[in-house]
N, C-alpha and C. Protein backbone atom coordinates (compact mmCIF):
# COMPACT_ATOMS: atom_id res chain seq x y z
N MET A 1 23.94 -8.65 0.53
CA MET A 1 22.93 -9.30 -0.28
C MET A 1 22.28 -8.24 -1.18
N ASP A 2 22.13 -8.56 -2.42
CA ASP A 2 21.57 -7.62 -3.40
C ASP A 2 20.06 -7.44 -3.20
N THR A 3 19.64 -6.19 -3.38
CA THR A 3 18.22 -5.90 -3.34
C THR A 3 17.79 -5.38 -4.70
N LEU A 4 16.53 -5.61 -5.02
CA LEU A 4 16.00 -5.23 -6.32
C LEU A 4 14.55 -4.79 -6.14
N ILE A 5 14.21 -3.64 -6.69
CA ILE A 5 12.82 -3.20 -6.77
C ILE A 5 12.40 -3.42 -8.21
N ARG A 6 11.31 -4.13 -8.42
CA ARG A 6 10.89 -4.45 -9.78
C ARG A 6 9.38 -4.50 -9.89
N GLN A 7 8.89 -4.33 -11.11
CA GLN A 7 7.46 -4.47 -11.35
C GLN A 7 7.10 -5.94 -11.27
N ALA A 8 5.98 -6.21 -10.63
CA ALA A 8 5.51 -7.59 -10.53
C ALA A 8 5.00 -8.06 -11.89
N GLU A 9 5.26 -9.31 -12.17
CA GLU A 9 4.81 -9.94 -13.40
C GLU A 9 3.73 -10.96 -13.05
N ALA A 10 3.06 -11.47 -14.07
CA ALA A 10 1.96 -12.43 -13.85
C ALA A 10 2.40 -13.61 -12.99
N CYS A 11 3.64 -14.06 -13.18
CA CYS A 11 4.14 -15.21 -12.41
C CYS A 11 4.36 -14.89 -10.93
N ASP A 12 4.27 -13.62 -10.55
CA ASP A 12 4.49 -13.20 -9.16
C ASP A 12 3.22 -13.16 -8.32
N ILE A 13 2.11 -13.60 -8.86
CA ILE A 13 0.84 -13.43 -8.15
C ILE A 13 0.87 -14.03 -6.75
N GLU A 14 1.46 -15.19 -6.57
CA GLU A 14 1.49 -15.81 -5.24
C GLU A 14 2.35 -15.01 -4.27
N ARG A 15 3.41 -14.38 -4.75
CA ARG A 15 4.24 -13.52 -3.90
C ARG A 15 3.43 -12.31 -3.44
N VAL A 16 2.71 -11.70 -4.38
CA VAL A 16 1.87 -10.54 -4.05
C VAL A 16 0.82 -10.93 -3.02
N LEU A 17 0.15 -12.05 -3.25
CA LEU A 17 -0.92 -12.47 -2.34
C LEU A 17 -0.37 -12.84 -0.96
N SER A 18 0.81 -13.42 -0.91
CA SER A 18 1.42 -13.75 0.37
C SER A 18 1.73 -12.48 1.16
N LEU A 19 2.26 -11.47 0.51
CA LEU A 19 2.55 -10.20 1.19
C LEU A 19 1.27 -9.50 1.61
N CYS A 20 0.25 -9.57 0.76
CA CYS A 20 -1.05 -8.99 1.10
C CYS A 20 -1.61 -9.64 2.36
N LYS A 21 -1.51 -10.95 2.44
CA LYS A 21 -1.99 -11.68 3.62
C LYS A 21 -1.20 -11.28 4.86
N LYS A 22 0.12 -11.17 4.73
CA LYS A 22 0.95 -10.77 5.88
C LYS A 22 0.60 -9.36 6.33
N GLN A 23 0.34 -8.47 5.37
CA GLN A 23 -0.03 -7.10 5.73
C GLN A 23 -1.36 -7.07 6.46
N CYS A 24 -2.32 -7.83 5.98
CA CYS A 24 -3.63 -7.88 6.63
C CYS A 24 -3.49 -8.43 8.06
N GLU A 25 -2.70 -9.48 8.22
CA GLU A 25 -2.49 -10.05 9.55
C GLU A 25 -1.80 -9.04 10.48
N PHE A 26 -0.80 -8.32 9.96
CA PHE A 26 -0.11 -7.29 10.73
C PHE A 26 -1.10 -6.22 11.18
N ASN A 27 -1.93 -5.76 10.25
CA ASN A 27 -2.91 -4.73 10.58
C ASN A 27 -3.88 -5.21 11.65
N ARG A 28 -4.39 -6.41 11.48
CA ARG A 28 -5.38 -6.92 12.43
C ARG A 28 -4.77 -7.13 13.83
N GLU A 29 -3.50 -7.47 13.88
CA GLU A 29 -2.82 -7.61 15.18
C GLU A 29 -2.75 -6.28 15.92
N ASN A 30 -2.80 -5.19 15.17
CA ASN A 30 -2.61 -3.86 15.76
C ASN A 30 -3.89 -3.03 15.84
N HIS A 31 -4.97 -3.48 15.22
CA HIS A 31 -6.24 -2.77 15.30
C HIS A 31 -6.80 -2.83 16.72
N SER A 32 -7.63 -1.87 17.05
CA SER A 32 -8.33 -1.88 18.32
C SER A 32 -9.21 -3.13 18.39
N PRO A 33 -9.22 -3.81 19.53
CA PRO A 33 -10.10 -4.99 19.66
C PRO A 33 -11.56 -4.67 19.35
N ALA A 34 -11.99 -3.43 19.59
CA ALA A 34 -13.38 -3.05 19.32
C ALA A 34 -13.73 -3.15 17.84
N SER A 35 -12.72 -3.05 16.98
CA SER A 35 -13.00 -3.10 15.54
C SER A 35 -13.02 -4.52 14.99
N LEU A 36 -12.62 -5.47 15.80
CA LEU A 36 -12.48 -6.85 15.32
C LEU A 36 -13.67 -7.71 15.71
N TYR A 37 -14.85 -7.27 15.32
CA TYR A 37 -16.07 -7.99 15.66
C TYR A 37 -16.52 -8.93 14.55
N ASP A 38 -15.70 -9.08 13.52
CA ASP A 38 -16.07 -9.88 12.36
C ASP A 38 -15.35 -11.23 12.38
N ALA A 39 -15.59 -12.01 11.36
CA ALA A 39 -14.94 -13.31 11.24
C ALA A 39 -13.59 -13.12 10.55
N GLU A 40 -12.52 -13.22 11.31
CA GLU A 40 -11.19 -12.90 10.81
C GLU A 40 -10.83 -13.71 9.56
N ALA A 41 -11.09 -14.99 9.55
CA ALA A 41 -10.74 -15.82 8.41
C ALA A 41 -11.47 -15.36 7.14
N ALA A 42 -12.73 -14.98 7.29
CA ALA A 42 -13.50 -14.50 6.14
C ALA A 42 -12.95 -13.17 5.63
N VAL A 43 -12.56 -12.29 6.55
CA VAL A 43 -11.99 -11.00 6.15
C VAL A 43 -10.67 -11.23 5.41
N LEU A 44 -9.82 -12.05 5.97
CA LEU A 44 -8.53 -12.35 5.34
C LEU A 44 -8.72 -12.91 3.94
N GLN A 45 -9.64 -13.84 3.79
CA GLN A 45 -9.91 -14.41 2.47
C GLN A 45 -10.42 -13.34 1.50
N ALA A 46 -11.31 -12.48 1.96
CA ALA A 46 -11.86 -11.42 1.11
C ALA A 46 -10.78 -10.43 0.68
N VAL A 47 -9.88 -10.07 1.61
CA VAL A 47 -8.79 -9.15 1.29
C VAL A 47 -7.88 -9.75 0.23
N VAL A 48 -7.53 -11.00 0.41
CA VAL A 48 -6.64 -11.67 -0.56
C VAL A 48 -7.32 -11.80 -1.91
N GLU A 49 -8.59 -12.15 -1.93
CA GLU A 49 -9.30 -12.29 -3.21
C GLU A 49 -9.45 -10.94 -3.91
N LYS A 50 -9.67 -9.88 -3.15
CA LYS A 50 -9.75 -8.55 -3.75
C LYS A 50 -8.40 -8.18 -4.37
N MET A 51 -7.31 -8.51 -3.69
CA MET A 51 -5.98 -8.24 -4.23
C MET A 51 -5.73 -9.07 -5.49
N ARG A 52 -6.16 -10.32 -5.48
CA ARG A 52 -6.00 -11.18 -6.66
C ARG A 52 -6.70 -10.54 -7.87
N THR A 53 -7.93 -10.09 -7.66
CA THR A 53 -8.69 -9.46 -8.74
C THR A 53 -8.00 -8.19 -9.22
N SER A 54 -7.54 -7.37 -8.29
CA SER A 54 -6.85 -6.14 -8.64
C SER A 54 -5.59 -6.44 -9.44
N PHE A 55 -4.84 -7.45 -9.02
CA PHE A 55 -3.60 -7.81 -9.71
C PHE A 55 -3.91 -8.34 -11.11
N GLN A 56 -4.90 -9.19 -11.22
CA GLN A 56 -5.23 -9.78 -12.52
C GLN A 56 -5.81 -8.75 -13.49
N ASN A 57 -6.45 -7.71 -12.96
CA ASN A 57 -7.09 -6.70 -13.81
C ASN A 57 -6.29 -5.41 -13.90
N ARG A 58 -5.04 -5.43 -13.49
CA ARG A 58 -4.25 -4.20 -13.50
C ARG A 58 -4.12 -3.66 -14.93
N ASP A 59 -4.00 -2.34 -14.99
CA ASP A 59 -3.88 -1.67 -16.28
C ASP A 59 -2.78 -0.62 -16.19
N GLY A 60 -2.73 0.29 -17.13
CA GLY A 60 -1.69 1.31 -17.16
C GLY A 60 -1.77 2.31 -16.03
N ASP A 61 -2.88 2.32 -15.29
CA ASP A 61 -3.04 3.23 -14.15
C ASP A 61 -2.89 2.49 -12.82
N THR A 62 -2.28 1.32 -12.86
CA THR A 62 -2.03 0.54 -11.65
C THR A 62 -0.60 0.02 -11.68
N LEU A 63 0.08 0.11 -10.56
CA LEU A 63 1.46 -0.32 -10.45
C LEU A 63 1.60 -1.29 -9.28
N PHE A 64 2.19 -2.42 -9.53
CA PHE A 64 2.54 -3.39 -8.50
C PHE A 64 4.05 -3.53 -8.50
N LEU A 65 4.69 -3.19 -7.39
CA LEU A 65 6.14 -3.34 -7.26
C LEU A 65 6.46 -4.38 -6.20
N LEU A 66 7.55 -5.10 -6.40
CA LEU A 66 8.06 -6.04 -5.41
C LEU A 66 9.46 -5.63 -5.01
N ALA A 67 9.79 -5.86 -3.75
CA ALA A 67 11.14 -5.66 -3.24
C ALA A 67 11.72 -7.04 -2.96
N ASP A 68 12.76 -7.36 -3.69
CA ASP A 68 13.43 -8.65 -3.52
C ASP A 68 14.78 -8.44 -2.86
N LYS A 69 15.08 -9.28 -1.91
CA LYS A 69 16.38 -9.28 -1.26
C LYS A 69 16.93 -10.69 -1.41
N GLY A 70 17.92 -10.84 -2.28
CA GLY A 70 18.37 -12.17 -2.63
C GLY A 70 17.24 -12.92 -3.33
N GLN A 71 16.95 -14.10 -2.87
CA GLN A 71 15.88 -14.91 -3.46
C GLN A 71 14.51 -14.64 -2.82
N ALA A 72 14.49 -13.86 -1.75
CA ALA A 72 13.24 -13.64 -1.01
C ALA A 72 12.58 -12.33 -1.42
N THR A 73 11.26 -12.36 -1.57
CA THR A 73 10.48 -11.15 -1.78
C THR A 73 10.03 -10.69 -0.40
N CYS A 74 10.44 -9.49 -0.02
CA CYS A 74 10.21 -9.04 1.36
C CYS A 74 9.41 -7.75 1.45
N GLY A 75 8.83 -7.31 0.34
CA GLY A 75 8.00 -6.11 0.40
C GLY A 75 7.30 -5.87 -0.91
N TYR A 76 6.27 -5.01 -0.82
CA TYR A 76 5.57 -4.64 -2.04
C TYR A 76 4.92 -3.28 -1.89
N ALA A 77 4.57 -2.71 -3.04
CA ALA A 77 3.82 -1.46 -3.08
C ALA A 77 2.79 -1.59 -4.19
N VAL A 78 1.62 -1.03 -3.93
CA VAL A 78 0.55 -0.99 -4.92
C VAL A 78 0.13 0.47 -5.04
N ALA A 79 0.19 0.99 -6.25
CA ALA A 79 -0.17 2.38 -6.50
C ALA A 79 -1.19 2.42 -7.63
N LYS A 80 -2.14 3.34 -7.51
CA LYS A 80 -3.20 3.47 -8.51
C LYS A 80 -3.45 4.94 -8.80
N ILE A 81 -3.96 5.17 -9.98
CA ILE A 81 -4.39 6.51 -10.38
C ILE A 81 -5.90 6.45 -10.55
N TYR A 82 -6.57 7.42 -9.98
CA TYR A 82 -8.02 7.49 -10.10
C TYR A 82 -8.42 8.93 -10.36
N THR A 83 -9.65 9.13 -10.77
CA THR A 83 -10.16 10.48 -11.00
C THR A 83 -10.98 10.89 -9.79
N GLU A 84 -10.55 11.96 -9.13
CA GLU A 84 -11.24 12.46 -7.95
C GLU A 84 -12.64 12.96 -8.34
N ASP A 85 -13.57 12.81 -7.45
CA ASP A 85 -14.94 13.27 -7.65
C ASP A 85 -14.94 14.73 -8.09
N PRO A 86 -15.67 15.07 -9.16
CA PRO A 86 -15.70 16.46 -9.64
C PRO A 86 -16.22 17.45 -8.60
N ALA A 87 -16.91 16.97 -7.59
CA ALA A 87 -17.46 17.85 -6.55
C ALA A 87 -16.56 17.91 -5.32
N ALA A 88 -15.37 17.34 -5.39
CA ALA A 88 -14.46 17.35 -4.23
C ALA A 88 -13.92 18.75 -4.02
N ASP A 89 -14.29 19.38 -2.95
CA ASP A 89 -13.87 20.76 -2.71
C ASP A 89 -12.39 20.88 -2.38
N ALA A 90 -11.73 19.76 -2.12
CA ALA A 90 -10.31 19.79 -1.80
C ALA A 90 -9.43 19.58 -3.03
N GLY A 91 -10.03 19.52 -4.20
CA GLY A 91 -9.26 19.33 -5.43
C GLY A 91 -9.80 18.16 -6.23
N THR A 92 -9.78 18.32 -7.54
CA THR A 92 -10.33 17.30 -8.43
C THR A 92 -9.26 16.85 -9.42
N GLY A 93 -9.65 15.98 -10.32
CA GLY A 93 -8.76 15.52 -11.37
C GLY A 93 -8.10 14.19 -11.05
N ARG A 94 -7.12 13.85 -11.87
CA ARG A 94 -6.40 12.58 -11.68
C ARG A 94 -5.51 12.68 -10.45
N THR A 95 -5.65 11.69 -9.60
CA THR A 95 -4.98 11.67 -8.30
C THR A 95 -4.28 10.33 -8.12
N GLY A 96 -3.12 10.35 -7.51
CA GLY A 96 -2.41 9.12 -7.19
C GLY A 96 -2.80 8.62 -5.82
N LEU A 97 -2.87 7.32 -5.68
CA LEU A 97 -3.15 6.69 -4.39
C LEU A 97 -2.10 5.61 -4.15
N LEU A 98 -1.31 5.79 -3.11
CA LEU A 98 -0.41 4.73 -2.68
C LEU A 98 -1.26 3.83 -1.80
N GLU A 99 -1.78 2.78 -2.39
CA GLU A 99 -2.75 1.92 -1.72
C GLU A 99 -2.10 0.99 -0.70
N LYS A 100 -0.95 0.47 -1.03
CA LYS A 100 -0.25 -0.47 -0.15
C LYS A 100 1.24 -0.20 -0.21
N LEU A 101 1.88 -0.26 0.93
CA LEU A 101 3.33 -0.31 1.02
C LEU A 101 3.62 -1.11 2.28
N PHE A 102 4.25 -2.25 2.09
CA PHE A 102 4.45 -3.16 3.22
C PHE A 102 5.78 -3.87 3.07
N LEU A 103 6.48 -3.99 4.20
CA LEU A 103 7.71 -4.78 4.26
C LEU A 103 7.56 -5.82 5.36
N THR A 104 8.14 -6.96 5.14
CA THR A 104 8.16 -7.97 6.19
C THR A 104 8.98 -7.43 7.36
N GLU A 105 8.77 -8.00 8.52
CA GLU A 105 9.41 -7.49 9.73
C GLU A 105 10.93 -7.43 9.58
N GLU A 106 11.52 -8.46 9.00
CA GLU A 106 12.97 -8.50 8.88
C GLU A 106 13.52 -7.48 7.88
N ALA A 107 12.68 -6.95 7.00
CA ALA A 107 13.13 -5.98 6.00
C ALA A 107 12.94 -4.53 6.45
N ARG A 108 12.17 -4.33 7.52
CA ARG A 108 11.92 -2.96 7.98
C ARG A 108 13.20 -2.31 8.47
N GLY A 109 13.37 -1.03 8.14
CA GLY A 109 14.56 -0.29 8.54
C GLY A 109 15.75 -0.51 7.62
N SER A 110 15.56 -1.25 6.53
CA SER A 110 16.67 -1.57 5.63
C SER A 110 16.82 -0.60 4.46
N GLY A 111 15.88 0.34 4.33
CA GLY A 111 15.91 1.25 3.19
C GLY A 111 15.03 0.80 2.04
N LEU A 112 14.49 -0.40 2.12
CA LEU A 112 13.63 -0.89 1.04
C LEU A 112 12.32 -0.12 0.93
N GLY A 113 11.80 0.34 2.05
CA GLY A 113 10.57 1.14 2.01
C GLY A 113 10.81 2.43 1.22
N GLN A 114 11.94 3.08 1.47
CA GLN A 114 12.28 4.30 0.74
C GLN A 114 12.48 3.99 -0.74
N ALA A 115 13.12 2.87 -1.04
CA ALA A 115 13.34 2.49 -2.44
C ALA A 115 12.01 2.25 -3.15
N LEU A 116 11.07 1.58 -2.48
CA LEU A 116 9.74 1.39 -3.06
C LEU A 116 9.05 2.73 -3.27
N MET A 117 9.12 3.60 -2.25
CA MET A 117 8.48 4.91 -2.34
C MET A 117 9.06 5.71 -3.51
N ASP A 118 10.38 5.70 -3.65
CA ASP A 118 11.01 6.44 -4.74
C ASP A 118 10.51 5.96 -6.09
N GLU A 119 10.40 4.66 -6.27
CA GLU A 119 9.92 4.11 -7.54
C GLU A 119 8.46 4.49 -7.80
N VAL A 120 7.63 4.43 -6.75
CA VAL A 120 6.22 4.80 -6.89
C VAL A 120 6.10 6.27 -7.27
N MET A 121 6.83 7.14 -6.60
CA MET A 121 6.74 8.57 -6.88
C MET A 121 7.24 8.89 -8.28
N GLU A 122 8.28 8.22 -8.72
CA GLU A 122 8.78 8.41 -10.08
C GLU A 122 7.71 7.99 -11.10
N TRP A 123 7.03 6.89 -10.82
CA TRP A 123 5.96 6.41 -11.70
C TRP A 123 4.83 7.43 -11.77
N PHE A 124 4.41 7.94 -10.60
CA PHE A 124 3.36 8.97 -10.59
C PHE A 124 3.79 10.20 -11.39
N GLN A 125 5.02 10.65 -11.19
CA GLN A 125 5.50 11.82 -11.93
C GLN A 125 5.48 11.57 -13.43
N GLY A 126 5.87 10.39 -13.84
CA GLY A 126 5.86 10.02 -15.25
C GLY A 126 4.46 10.01 -15.84
N LYS A 127 3.48 9.83 -14.99
CA LYS A 127 2.07 9.82 -15.41
C LYS A 127 1.44 11.20 -15.30
N GLY A 128 2.22 12.20 -14.89
CA GLY A 128 1.70 13.56 -14.78
C GLY A 128 0.85 13.81 -13.54
N ILE A 129 0.99 12.97 -12.54
CA ILE A 129 0.20 13.11 -11.31
C ILE A 129 0.84 14.17 -10.42
N ARG A 130 0.03 15.07 -9.92
CA ARG A 130 0.51 16.17 -9.08
C ARG A 130 0.08 16.02 -7.62
N ARG A 131 -0.83 15.12 -7.34
CA ARG A 131 -1.32 14.93 -5.97
C ARG A 131 -1.36 13.43 -5.67
N VAL A 132 -0.74 13.04 -4.56
CA VAL A 132 -0.70 11.63 -4.16
C VAL A 132 -1.21 11.52 -2.74
N ARG A 133 -2.08 10.54 -2.55
CA ARG A 133 -2.64 10.27 -1.22
C ARG A 133 -2.11 8.95 -0.69
N VAL A 134 -2.02 8.89 0.62
CA VAL A 134 -1.73 7.64 1.32
C VAL A 134 -2.56 7.70 2.60
N GLU A 135 -3.08 6.59 3.04
CA GLU A 135 -4.00 6.58 4.17
C GLU A 135 -3.57 5.54 5.22
N PRO A 136 -2.53 5.86 6.00
CA PRO A 136 -2.11 4.92 7.04
C PRO A 136 -3.12 4.91 8.20
N TYR A 137 -3.13 3.83 8.92
CA TYR A 137 -3.98 3.75 10.10
C TYR A 137 -3.45 4.70 11.18
N GLY A 138 -4.35 5.26 11.97
CA GLY A 138 -3.98 6.19 13.02
C GLY A 138 -3.02 5.60 14.03
N TRP A 139 -3.11 4.30 14.29
CA TRP A 139 -2.25 3.67 15.28
C TRP A 139 -0.84 3.40 14.76
N ASN A 140 -0.63 3.51 13.44
CA ASN A 140 0.65 3.12 12.86
C ASN A 140 1.62 4.31 12.83
N GLU A 141 2.19 4.62 13.99
CA GLU A 141 3.08 5.77 14.14
C GLU A 141 4.31 5.65 13.26
N ARG A 142 4.82 4.45 13.10
CA ARG A 142 6.01 4.25 12.27
C ARG A 142 5.72 4.59 10.81
N ALA A 143 4.57 4.16 10.31
CA ALA A 143 4.20 4.47 8.93
C ALA A 143 3.97 5.96 8.76
N LYS A 144 3.28 6.57 9.71
CA LYS A 144 3.02 8.02 9.61
C LYS A 144 4.34 8.80 9.59
N ALA A 145 5.28 8.43 10.43
CA ALA A 145 6.58 9.11 10.46
C ALA A 145 7.32 8.92 9.13
N PHE A 146 7.22 7.72 8.57
CA PHE A 146 7.87 7.45 7.29
C PHE A 146 7.27 8.33 6.19
N TYR A 147 5.95 8.39 6.13
CA TYR A 147 5.31 9.20 5.08
C TYR A 147 5.63 10.68 5.26
N GLU A 148 5.68 11.15 6.49
CA GLU A 148 6.04 12.55 6.73
C GLU A 148 7.47 12.81 6.29
N LYS A 149 8.36 11.86 6.55
CA LYS A 149 9.74 11.98 6.10
C LYS A 149 9.82 12.05 4.57
N CYS A 150 8.87 11.42 3.91
CA CYS A 150 8.82 11.42 2.44
C CYS A 150 8.11 12.65 1.89
N GLY A 151 7.68 13.57 2.76
CA GLY A 151 7.08 14.81 2.32
C GLY A 151 5.57 14.87 2.37
N PHE A 152 4.93 13.80 2.82
CA PHE A 152 3.47 13.82 2.94
C PHE A 152 3.09 14.62 4.19
N GLN A 153 1.94 15.25 4.13
CA GLN A 153 1.43 16.01 5.27
C GLN A 153 0.02 15.53 5.60
N GLU A 154 -0.32 15.56 6.88
CA GLU A 154 -1.68 15.23 7.28
C GLU A 154 -2.64 16.20 6.61
N TYR A 155 -3.70 15.65 6.03
CA TYR A 155 -4.64 16.49 5.30
C TYR A 155 -6.08 16.23 5.72
N SER A 156 -6.40 14.98 5.88
CA SER A 156 -7.77 14.59 6.25
C SER A 156 -7.68 13.56 7.36
N VAL A 157 -8.57 13.64 8.31
CA VAL A 157 -8.57 12.71 9.43
C VAL A 157 -9.94 12.05 9.51
N THR A 158 -9.96 10.77 9.76
CA THR A 158 -11.21 10.03 9.91
C THR A 158 -11.37 9.63 11.37
N TYR A 159 -12.56 9.82 11.90
CA TYR A 159 -12.86 9.38 13.27
C TYR A 159 -13.89 8.26 13.19
N GLU A 160 -13.76 7.30 14.06
CA GLU A 160 -14.73 6.20 14.13
C GLU A 160 -15.13 5.98 15.58
N LYS A 161 -16.33 5.48 15.74
CA LYS A 161 -16.82 5.12 17.07
C LYS A 161 -17.39 3.71 16.98
N PHE A 162 -16.96 2.86 17.89
CA PHE A 162 -17.46 1.49 17.92
C PHE A 162 -18.46 1.37 19.08
N MET A 163 -19.57 0.76 18.83
CA MET A 163 -20.64 0.68 19.82
C MET A 163 -20.88 -0.76 20.23
């Protein structure tokens, strides 16, 4: 079956939102129960609406990619360029952020994640970006291993305490 990595078009909004919803559900299934003290339906709706706004307002510093396998869209990546705070002691300037990279369960391990990553990194390079961040959840060992395989290194760690 043929696979295709392509930039999302306006007509793809429902595909993007469907993948965003699946990613949010996947994350919530794996988060610590202590962090899930909110109204799940309201969070899911807010996440999807934020993605809708981001998709509708995308510009030259935002990339939405879709991974299609046959007629099915089974993954996506969202990448953005932002300007790091001028007071950031770890480096300033234009920085790339791989905000989302998600594959449906049946597409994982198929090479589509690497194909999405390759396209994102090529886009960043074309934009002159020299530093790219990704922020996987601490519990997501598979994602962390994937990013390390792609050359990312642990740089900053966030700790949280739930009371």
